[in-house]
Amino acid sequence: MLSKYTNKALYLLLIICSINLLFGAFYLLHLGRPVVYYEYLLIPIVFSFTRNYLFRFITIFGLLVSDLLVSISKIYYFDTFNFLQKFSSIFISNFSLKFWIVVLVCFVVVFLLIHMLITKTALRRLGTTKNDKKFGVLFLILCFTVVYGIDSLFGSSSLKFKPNGKVNINFSQSIAVLYVKDAKIYLKKYLPVSKIENFENINKGESVSYRYLLRDSSKKQALIILESWGLDNDVQERMELIRPIILLNNSEYRVNFDSSLFFGGTSQAEVRELYNKSGEAYFSVIQHGISDIKGIAQYKKISGYNTIALQSFSGFYSNGYHFRKSSGFNQIKEFSFFKNGSAINYNNHYISVNDEVVFDYGIKQLSKENKAFLYILTINSHLPFHTQSGKSELESQYNRIKEQFSYLAALLKKYPVDKLVIVGDHPPPFLTESERSHYSSKFVPALIIERMPDKIKY
């Protein structure tokens, strides 16, 4: 009898772990190792209460959807509920027909797999007798002990029996606990911006824009946050990428290279540079509809600058339009303004025009202004990036950023800017560790382009 139970338990454990790892593939690629969710271990005991096909199908499908949502949201720096709130933007995104066909095929395959699991595997033999319920309880206890024991052995369990720091994220986790944590983040009542901690850069310094632009009095200033521009660990590749900008040095401009610490995604980068605040400040501004302290745009406005915010994609994303309106920009223009007369960009799923269209408009507009502060947020280099023919996603995204620098360099020669700061928001969040290892995990690069004093004429 014990041997029968053991064989049955091992077979079921193999099936359940396979389901877990298969549908947690996004998270697996991101972490570089598997994660086992406790909820999958509940399948035998849940099934022991009914043989109803629909109930069993919904149980497994619900687990898979919950698994995928929490895993994908973590890749993109979101808690699950903020990710779901932004999920509606997928319907204004520019996915190709091929993408939707692949999604449809995946859904069909998933439905077939669940059907086969319920009707063709050991799960089919799980009945509703006392022995089945007893087996479900013993299976849960045994498997929980094994997977939790692995965490305890490596010091990553919540009790930390042997805290040796070999791993940072548990091998075994609970989907329900993750959702509870994410719900707390989503429902959090954010403090006023003034009460949120300042961003601390290297040596407790200010953000790049605060350091180079806040107290600068030149009349034509610009800040560009470049999407997914990471600090390349290969110095030669790093310098080759920005070569067009470096060549401006000693002609009409002085060019300096710098770097900054980063935390989180693009939203966090915006408050880092516009407010010198940590990431929660972005959500505080959105939640309260106002900032109780001045950011760089407000300071510039008080000093007589016309403040302009531009982006090539929709202001719907992340409530970007409302954030920039609350941050003190006089003029805000996004995709709806640029789409007429401009080609649609197909570098990723975001519906946008080429960032170069925005560079062109913004720099030309700046040249016409007597005193202005220009802010541009780019999108074309966002992941997932559509690969160029015969090139990897890593190389294709690198080349796209290089194209942007080339365009900016040519533009700056024709339409001089007194001071321009270009800074990355975060490194490109590639799925695999081998790709992510090309970039620093702590720093993003920055370029400070200043016009030579003797060249400035008003």
Protein backbone atom coordinates (compact mmCIF):
# COMPACT_ATOMS: atom_id res chain seq x y z
CA MET A 1 0.00 0.00 0.00
CA LEU A 2 2.81 2.42 0.92
CA SER A 3 4.61 1.61 -2.33
CA LYS A 4 1.40 2.28 -4.26
CA TYR A 5 0.95 5.65 -2.55
CA THR A 6 4.61 6.52 -3.10
CA ASN A 7 4.52 5.78 -6.84
CA LYS A 8 1.25 7.67 -7.21
CA ALA A 9 2.65 10.65 -5.26
CA LEU A 10 5.86 10.79 -7.28
CA TYR A 11 3.93 10.60 -10.56
CA LEU A 12 1.58 13.38 -9.48
CA LEU A 13 4.42 15.52 -8.18
CA LEU A 14 6.20 15.16 -11.53
CA ILE A 15 3.04 16.25 -13.40
CA ILE A 16 2.31 19.18 -11.08
CA CYS A 17 5.90 20.45 -11.10
CA SER A 18 5.93 20.21 -14.89
CA ILE A 19 2.78 22.36 -15.09
CA ASN A 20 4.26 24.80 -12.60
CA LEU A 21 7.58 25.16 -14.41
CA LEU A 22 6.04 25.24 -17.89
CA PHE A 23 3.69 28.11 -17.13
CA GLY A 24 6.16 29.88 -14.90
CA ALA A 25 8.61 30.02 -17.81
CA PHE A 26 8.66 33.84 -17.90
CA TYR A 27 9.67 33.98 -14.25
CA LEU A 28 12.08 31.08 -14.71
CA LEU A 29 13.92 32.91 -17.52
CA HIS A 30 14.00 36.11 -15.48
CA LEU A 31 15.44 34.50 -12.35
CA GLY A 32 17.57 31.88 -14.05
CA ARG A 33 16.12 29.14 -11.80
CA PRO A 34 12.72 27.54 -11.07
CA VAL A 35 10.07 28.64 -8.58
CA VAL A 36 7.54 26.16 -7.18
CA TYR A 37 4.22 27.59 -6.03
CA TYR A 38 2.55 25.89 -3.07
CA GLU A 39 -0.92 26.27 -4.60
CA TYR A 40 -0.11 23.64 -7.25
CA LEU A 41 0.36 21.13 -4.44
CA LEU A 42 -3.29 21.61 -3.47
CA ILE A 43 -4.59 20.09 -6.73
CA PRO A 44 -4.98 16.47 -5.43
CA ILE A 45 -6.88 17.50 -2.29
CA VAL A 46 -9.10 19.94 -4.22
CA PHE A 47 -9.88 17.28 -6.83
CA SER A 48 -10.82 14.80 -4.09
CA PHE A 49 -14.00 16.80 -3.39
CA THR A 50 -15.52 16.46 -6.85
CA ARG A 51 -15.03 14.70 -10.17
CA ASN A 52 -16.86 17.46 -12.05
CA TYR A 53 -14.88 18.14 -15.24
CA LEU A 54 -15.70 21.87 -15.44
CA PHE A 55 -14.69 22.46 -11.82
CA ARG A 56 -11.37 20.70 -12.34
CA PHE A 57 -10.74 22.56 -15.59
CA ILE A 58 -11.42 25.96 -13.99
CA THR A 59 -9.20 25.06 -11.01
CA ILE A 60 -6.15 24.36 -13.18
CA PHE A 61 -6.83 27.20 -15.62
CA GLY A 62 -7.26 29.66 -12.73
CA LEU A 63 -3.93 28.57 -11.25
CA LEU A 64 -2.16 28.99 -14.58
CA VAL A 65 -3.57 32.48 -15.18
CA SER A 66 -2.69 33.56 -11.63
CA ASP A 67 0.82 32.19 -12.11
CA LEU A 68 1.36 33.98 -15.44
CA LEU A 69 0.01 37.33 -14.24
CA VAL A 70 2.16 37.53 -11.14
CA SER A 71 5.24 36.31 -13.04
CA ILE A 72 4.96 38.66 -16.04
CA SER A 73 4.17 41.69 -13.87
CA LYS A 74 7.41 41.20 -11.93
CA ILE A 75 9.46 41.22 -15.13
CA TYR A 76 8.11 44.67 -15.99
CA TYR A 77 8.68 46.15 -12.51
CA PHE A 78 4.94 46.26 -11.70
CA ASP A 79 2.94 44.84 -8.86
CA THR A 80 0.21 42.59 -10.27
CA PHE A 81 -2.69 45.03 -9.80
CA ASN A 82 -0.93 48.02 -11.34
CA PHE A 83 0.00 45.70 -14.20
CA LEU A 84 -3.67 44.72 -14.62
CA GLN A 85 -4.67 48.39 -14.55
CA LYS A 86 -2.23 49.09 -17.38
CA PHE A 87 -3.21 45.90 -19.21
CA SER A 88 -6.02 47.67 -21.07
CA SER A 89 -3.31 49.55 -22.96
CA ILE A 90 -2.62 46.29 -24.82
CA PHE A 91 -5.70 47.06 -26.92
CA ILE A 92 -4.20 50.32 -28.20
CA SER A 93 -0.86 48.65 -28.80
CA ASN A 94 0.56 47.84 -32.19
CA PHE A 95 0.84 44.05 -32.09
CA SER A 96 1.10 42.35 -35.46
CA LEU A 97 -1.40 39.81 -36.81
CA LYS A 98 1.30 37.16 -36.36
CA PHE A 99 1.43 37.98 -32.63
CA TRP A 100 -2.32 37.55 -32.18
CA ILE A 101 -2.25 34.28 -34.12
CA VAL A 102 0.51 33.01 -31.81
CA VAL A 103 -1.55 34.07 -28.76
CA LEU A 104 -4.61 32.27 -30.13
CA VAL A 105 -2.59 29.12 -30.84
CA CYS A 106 -1.12 29.24 -27.32
CA PHE A 107 -4.60 29.46 -25.80
CA VAL A 108 -5.76 26.46 -27.85
CA VAL A 109 -2.68 24.46 -26.80
CA VAL A 110 -3.20 25.38 -23.14
CA PHE A 111 -6.84 24.32 -23.26
CA LEU A 112 -5.88 21.00 -24.90
CA LEU A 113 -3.14 20.40 -22.32
CA ILE A 114 -5.53 21.02 -19.42
CA HIS A 115 -8.07 18.68 -21.01
CA MET A 116 -5.43 15.96 -21.38
CA LEU A 117 -4.22 16.47 -17.80
CA ILE A 118 -7.73 15.97 -16.47
CA THR A 119 -8.70 13.05 -18.71
CA LYS A 120 -5.49 11.20 -19.58
CA THR A 121 -3.10 11.42 -16.61
CA ALA A 122 -3.03 10.32 -12.98
CA LEU A 123 -5.24 13.31 -12.13
CA ARG A 124 -8.12 11.42 -13.81
CA ARG A 125 -7.82 8.64 -11.25
CA LEU A 126 -8.27 10.98 -8.29
CA GLY A 127 -11.69 10.16 -6.86
CA THR A 128 -13.78 11.48 -3.99
CA THR A 129 -13.35 8.65 -1.48
CA LYS A 130 -11.86 8.99 2.00
CA ASN A 131 -8.66 7.39 0.73
CA ASP A 132 -8.42 10.00 -2.02
CA LYS A 133 -8.87 12.80 0.51
CA LYS A 134 -6.32 11.17 2.79
CA PHE A 135 -3.88 10.89 -0.12
CA GLY A 136 -4.42 14.56 -0.98
CA VAL A 137 -3.59 15.66 2.57
CA LEU A 138 -0.51 13.42 2.81
CA PHE A 139 0.65 14.56 -0.65
CA LEU A 140 0.36 18.21 0.40
CA ILE A 141 2.23 17.68 3.67
CA LEU A 142 5.00 15.59 2.10
CA CYS A 143 5.58 17.88 -0.90
CA PHE A 144 5.37 21.06 1.17
CA THR A 145 7.98 19.63 3.52
CA VAL A 146 10.29 18.80 0.59
CA VAL A 147 10.11 22.14 -1.24
CA TYR A 148 10.15 24.19 1.97
CA GLY A 149 13.03 22.05 3.17
CA ILE A 150 15.05 23.04 0.08
CA ASP A 151 14.51 26.71 0.97
CA SER A 152 15.51 26.05 4.56
CA LEU A 153 18.66 24.24 3.44
CA PHE A 154 19.77 27.19 1.31
CA GLY A 155 18.73 29.84 3.80
CA SER A 156 15.95 31.38 1.75
CA SER A 157 12.89 30.19 3.67
CA SER A 158 10.88 32.73 5.62
CA LEU A 159 12.20 31.19 8.86
CA LYS A 160 15.80 31.30 7.60
CA PHE A 161 17.05 28.20 9.42
CA LYS A 162 20.42 28.52 7.71
CA PRO A 163 20.71 32.08 6.43
CA ASN A 164 23.78 31.71 4.23
CA GLY A 165 22.54 34.11 1.52
CA LYS A 166 23.05 31.76 -1.42
CA VAL A 167 19.76 32.76 -3.04
CA ASN A 168 17.71 35.92 -2.80
CA ILE A 169 14.26 34.66 -3.84
CA ASN A 170 12.63 31.56 -2.45
CA PHE A 171 12.60 28.35 -4.45
CA SER A 172 9.09 27.82 -3.06
CA GLN A 173 6.50 30.58 -2.79
CA SER A 174 2.78 31.14 -2.44
CA ILE A 175 0.83 32.82 -5.24
CA ALA A 176 -1.79 33.94 -2.69
CA VAL A 177 0.83 35.63 -0.50
CA LEU A 178 2.31 37.41 -3.53
CA TYR A 179 -1.14 38.71 -4.49
CA VAL A 180 -1.77 39.92 -0.93
CA LYS A 181 1.55 41.78 -0.94
CA ASP A 182 0.79 43.30 -4.35
CA ALA A 183 -2.72 44.31 -3.21
CA LYS A 184 -1.19 46.19 -0.28
CA ILE A 185 1.06 48.05 -2.71
CA TYR A 186 -1.82 48.85 -5.06
CA LEU A 187 -4.19 50.00 -2.31
CA LYS A 188 -1.53 51.96 -0.51
CA LYS A 189 -2.34 55.57 0.29
CA TYR A 190 0.75 57.42 -0.79
CA LEU A 191 2.28 60.18 1.26
CA PRO A 192 2.57 63.68 -0.22
CA VAL A 193 5.66 63.99 -2.40
CA SER A 194 7.41 66.12 0.24
CA LYS A 195 7.20 63.23 2.71
CA ILE A 196 8.70 60.66 0.34
CA GLU A 197 12.43 60.13 0.60
CA ASN A 198 14.76 61.87 -1.82
CA PHE A 199 16.53 59.89 -4.49
CA GLU A 200 20.10 59.21 -3.40
CA ASN A 201 22.61 58.95 -6.20
CA ILE A 202 26.26 57.91 -5.97
CA ASN A 203 27.81 59.34 -2.80
CA LYS A 204 24.32 60.53 -1.74
CA GLY A 205 24.25 63.01 -4.60
CA GLU A 206 21.31 64.34 -6.60
CA SER A 207 19.82 62.91 -9.76
CA VAL A 208 21.60 63.71 -13.01
CA SER A 209 19.09 66.36 -14.11
CA TYR A 210 19.13 68.09 -10.72
CA ARG A 211 22.91 68.12 -10.70
CA TYR A 212 23.35 69.55 -14.19
CA LEU A 213 20.11 71.42 -14.98
CA LEU A 214 18.27 72.59 -11.85
CA ARG A 215 20.55 75.52 -11.04
CA ASP A 216 21.70 76.13 -14.61
CA SER A 217 20.64 79.52 -16.03
CA SER A 218 21.28 78.94 -19.75
CA LYS A 219 18.22 79.75 -21.85
CA LYS A 220 17.74 76.64 -23.97
CA GLN A 221 17.82 73.47 -21.90
CA ALA A 222 16.63 69.93 -22.57
CA LEU A 223 16.30 66.62 -20.75
CA ILE A 224 15.81 63.32 -22.58
CA ILE A 225 15.05 60.10 -20.71
CA LEU A 226 16.03 57.38 -23.16
CA GLU A 227 14.01 54.19 -22.88
CA SER A 228 15.97 51.06 -21.85
CA TRP A 229 19.39 52.66 -22.34
CA GLY A 230 21.59 50.65 -20.03
CA LEU A 231 25.21 51.06 -19.01
CA ASP A 232 27.02 48.57 -21.24
CA ASN A 233 29.61 46.57 -19.31
CA ASP A 234 31.79 46.46 -22.43
CA VAL A 235 33.49 49.87 -22.54
CA GLN A 236 34.25 49.62 -26.25
CA GLU A 237 30.60 48.88 -27.11
CA ARG A 238 29.50 51.62 -24.73
CA MET A 239 31.63 54.24 -26.46
CA GLU A 240 30.75 53.01 -29.94
CA LEU A 241 27.06 53.49 -29.14
CA ILE A 242 27.48 57.17 -28.21
CA ARG A 243 30.22 57.89 -30.78
CA PRO A 244 28.05 60.32 -32.80
CA ILE A 245 27.53 62.44 -29.67
CA ILE A 246 31.17 62.23 -28.58
CA LEU A 247 32.22 63.59 -31.99
CA LEU A 248 30.43 66.83 -31.09
CA ASN A 249 33.10 67.42 -28.46
CA ASN A 250 35.48 70.34 -29.07
CA SER A 251 33.48 71.59 -32.07
CA GLU A 252 30.61 73.62 -30.71
CA TYR A 253 29.91 71.52 -27.64
CA ARG A 254 31.61 70.07 -24.59
CA VAL A 255 30.45 66.50 -23.96
CA ASN A 256 30.77 64.66 -20.64
CA PHE A 257 29.84 61.09 -19.81
CA ASP A 258 28.31 60.30 -16.41
CA SER A 259 26.17 57.62 -14.77
CA SER A 260 23.42 57.32 -12.19
CA LEU A 261 22.01 54.77 -9.83
CA PHE A 262 18.55 53.58 -10.83
CA PHE A 263 15.66 51.87 -9.07
CA GLY A 264 12.58 50.43 -10.79
CA GLY A 265 11.15 51.24 -14.19
CA THR A 266 10.36 54.27 -16.33
CA SER A 267 7.90 55.84 -13.88
CA GLN A 268 10.54 55.74 -11.17
CA ALA A 269 13.07 57.27 -13.57
CA GLU A 270 10.73 60.19 -14.28
CA VAL A 271 10.40 61.19 -10.62
CA ARG A 272 14.10 60.54 -10.16
CA GLU A 273 14.94 63.17 -12.79
CA LEU A 274 11.98 65.56 -12.48
CA TYR A 275 11.68 65.60 -8.66
CA ASN A 276 14.87 64.01 -7.31
CA LYS A 277 12.58 61.61 -5.44
CA SER A 278 12.32 57.85 -5.02
CA GLY A 279 9.84 55.84 -7.08
CA GLU A 280 6.72 56.16 -4.90
CA ALA A 281 6.57 59.88 -5.69
CA TYR A 282 5.22 59.11 -9.18
CA PHE A 283 2.21 57.29 -7.76
CA SER A 284 1.74 60.01 -5.15
CA VAL A 285 1.41 62.64 -7.88
CA ILE A 286 -1.06 60.45 -9.79
CA GLN A 287 -3.09 59.59 -6.68
CA HIS A 288 -3.29 63.14 -5.30
CA GLY A 289 -3.40 64.87 -8.68
CA ILE A 290 -0.83 67.37 -7.46
CA SER A 291 2.65 67.62 -5.98
CA ASP A 292 3.06 69.61 -2.77
CA ILE A 293 6.67 70.43 -3.69
CA LYS A 294 8.22 71.91 -6.78
CA GLY A 295 10.01 69.72 -9.29
CA ILE A 296 12.48 70.85 -11.91
CA ALA A 297 9.69 71.86 -14.33
CA GLN A 298 8.02 74.09 -11.71
CA TYR A 299 11.35 75.71 -10.82
CA LYS A 300 12.04 76.43 -14.48
CA LYS A 301 8.54 77.84 -14.96
CA ILE A 302 9.00 80.22 -12.01
CA SER A 303 12.30 81.32 -13.55
CA GLY A 304 10.52 82.32 -16.75
CA TYR A 305 11.10 79.21 -18.88
CA ASN A 306 8.45 77.84 -21.21
CA THR A 307 8.21 74.21 -20.07
CA ILE A 308 7.53 71.64 -22.81
CA ALA A 309 6.98 67.88 -22.43
CA LEU A 310 6.95 65.60 -25.48
CA GLN A 311 6.65 61.88 -26.16
CA SER A 312 6.09 59.77 -29.26
CA PHE A 313 3.50 57.45 -27.69
CA SER A 314 0.12 57.87 -26.02
CA GLY A 315 -0.13 59.85 -22.78
CA PHE A 316 -2.59 57.18 -21.62
CA TYR A 317 0.23 54.86 -20.57
CA SER A 318 0.92 55.02 -16.82
CA ASN A 319 -1.25 58.16 -16.62
CA GLY A 320 1.71 59.95 -18.17
CA TYR A 321 -0.26 62.96 -19.42
CA HIS A 322 -1.72 63.65 -15.96
CA PHE A 323 1.68 63.22 -14.32
CA ARG A 324 3.30 65.77 -16.64
CA LYS A 325 0.37 68.17 -16.27
CA SER A 326 0.68 67.98 -12.48
CA SER A 327 4.45 68.44 -12.78
CA GLY A 328 4.16 71.93 -14.22
CA PHE A 329 4.63 71.63 -17.98
CA ASN A 330 2.98 74.38 -20.03
CA GLN A 331 2.88 72.38 -23.26
CA ILE A 332 2.32 68.61 -23.41
CA LYS A 333 2.29 66.82 -26.74
CA GLU A 334 2.14 63.09 -27.41
CA PHE A 335 1.14 60.56 -30.07
CA SER A 336 -2.21 62.18 -30.90
CA PHE A 337 -0.33 65.34 -31.93
CA PHE A 338 2.47 63.67 -33.91
CA LYS A 339 0.55 60.90 -35.68
CA ASN A 340 -0.74 63.10 -38.50
CA GLY A 341 1.89 63.18 -41.21
CA SER A 342 4.29 60.83 -39.37
CA ALA A 343 4.85 57.14 -40.02
CA ILE A 344 3.92 54.64 -37.32
CA ASN A 345 6.87 53.04 -35.57
CA TYR A 346 7.06 49.23 -35.44
CA ASN A 347 10.06 48.66 -33.15
CA ASN A 348 7.79 47.26 -30.43
CA HIS A 349 4.11 46.85 -29.56
CA TYR A 350 3.60 50.46 -28.47
CA ILE A 351 1.68 52.55 -30.97
CA SER A 352 3.97 55.50 -31.56
CA VAL A 353 5.77 57.54 -34.16
CA ASN A 354 9.55 57.42 -34.49
CA ASP A 355 11.23 59.13 -31.55
CA GLU A 356 13.21 61.09 -34.13
CA VAL A 357 10.00 62.91 -35.11
CA VAL A 358 9.75 64.15 -31.53
CA PHE A 359 13.47 65.03 -31.38
CA ASP A 360 13.07 67.05 -34.55
CA TYR A 361 9.99 68.92 -33.35
CA GLY A 362 11.35 69.50 -29.85
CA ILE A 363 14.83 70.74 -30.75
CA LYS A 364 13.47 73.02 -33.50
CA GLN A 365 10.85 74.39 -31.10
CA LEU A 366 13.54 74.99 -28.49
CA SER A 367 15.60 76.99 -31.00
CA LYS A 368 12.63 79.32 -31.54
CA GLU A 369 12.03 79.94 -27.84
CA ASN A 370 13.64 82.80 -25.95
CA LYS A 371 13.85 80.74 -22.76
CA ALA A 372 12.63 77.17 -22.54
CA PHE A 373 13.03 73.81 -20.79
CA LEU A 374 12.29 70.79 -23.00
CA TYR A 375 11.60 67.29 -21.67
CA ILE A 376 11.36 64.23 -23.96
CA LEU A 377 10.53 60.65 -22.97
CA THR A 378 11.30 58.07 -25.68
CA ILE A 379 9.70 54.66 -26.37
CA ASN A 380 11.11 53.07 -29.56
CA SER A 381 13.83 51.10 -27.73
CA HIS A 382 11.34 49.51 -25.31
CA LEU A 383 11.29 45.71 -25.03
CA PRO A 384 10.15 43.34 -26.41
CA PHE A 385 11.99 44.72 -29.44
CA HIS A 386 11.21 43.55 -32.95
CA THR A 387 14.46 42.14 -34.25
CA GLN A 388 16.18 43.31 -37.40
CA SER A 389 16.83 40.78 -40.13
CA GLY A 390 19.49 38.29 -39.07
CA LYS A 391 20.15 40.05 -35.74
CA SER A 392 19.30 39.19 -32.14
CA GLU A 393 16.99 41.30 -30.00
CA LEU A 394 20.03 42.44 -28.02
CA GLU A 395 21.87 43.68 -31.12
CA SER A 396 18.75 45.14 -32.75
CA GLN A 397 17.87 47.23 -29.70
CA TYR A 398 21.48 48.43 -29.39
CA ASN A 399 21.49 49.51 -33.05
CA ARG A 400 18.19 51.38 -32.64
CA ILE A 401 19.61 53.49 -29.80
CA LYS A 402 22.71 54.14 -31.88
CA GLU A 403 20.46 55.44 -34.68
CA GLN A 404 18.83 57.82 -32.22
CA PHE A 405 22.18 59.22 -31.10
CA SER A 406 23.22 59.73 -34.72
CA TYR A 407 20.03 61.63 -35.44
CA LEU A 408 20.38 63.79 -32.33
CA ALA A 409 24.01 64.63 -33.16
CA ALA A 410 23.04 65.82 -36.66
CA LEU A 411 20.13 67.81 -35.23
CA LEU A 412 22.29 69.55 -32.61
CA LYS A 413 24.68 70.76 -35.31
CA LYS A 414 21.82 72.55 -37.08
CA TYR A 415 19.82 73.71 -34.07
CA PRO A 416 22.13 74.47 -31.11
CA VAL A 417 21.01 73.75 -27.55
CA ASP A 418 22.71 75.40 -24.59
CA LYS A 419 22.58 72.31 -22.38
CA LEU A 420 21.18 68.83 -23.04
CA VAL A 421 21.14 65.95 -20.57
CA ILE A 422 20.38 62.45 -21.88
CA VAL A 423 19.94 59.70 -19.28
CA GLY A 424 18.72 56.10 -19.36
CA ASP A 425 15.67 55.10 -17.34
CA HIS A 426 16.76 51.52 -16.65
CA PRO A 427 18.71 48.75 -18.40
CA PRO A 428 16.82 46.74 -21.04
CA PRO A 429 14.99 43.96 -19.11
CA PHE A 430 15.86 41.07 -21.41
CA LEU A 431 14.41 37.73 -20.38
CA THR A 432 17.64 35.76 -20.13
CA GLU A 433 20.50 36.32 -17.73
CA SER A 434 23.06 36.07 -20.54
CA GLU A 435 21.46 39.07 -22.29
CA ARG A 436 20.93 41.11 -19.13
CA SER A 437 24.56 40.56 -18.10
CA HIS A 438 25.66 42.88 -20.92
CA TYR A 439 24.48 45.79 -18.78
CA SER A 440 25.11 47.06 -15.28
CA SER A 441 22.40 46.04 -12.83
CA LYS A 442 22.91 49.16 -10.68
CA PHE A 443 23.71 52.07 -12.97
CA VAL A 444 22.37 53.79 -16.07
CA PRO A 445 24.47 56.04 -18.33
CA ALA A 446 24.12 59.78 -18.88
CA LEU A 447 25.45 62.31 -21.38
CA ILE A 448 25.82 66.01 -20.60
CA ILE A 449 26.13 68.11 -23.74
CA GLU A 450 26.94 71.78 -23.15
CA ARG A 451 27.39 74.46 -25.77
CA MET A 452 30.73 76.25 -25.58
CA PRO A 453 30.27 79.62 -23.81
CA ASP A 454 31.78 81.56 -26.71
CA LYS A 455 29.26 79.98 -29.09
CA ILE A 456 26.17 81.06 -27.15
CA LYS A 457 24.49 84.08 -28.68
CA TYR A 458 21.13 85.54 -27.72
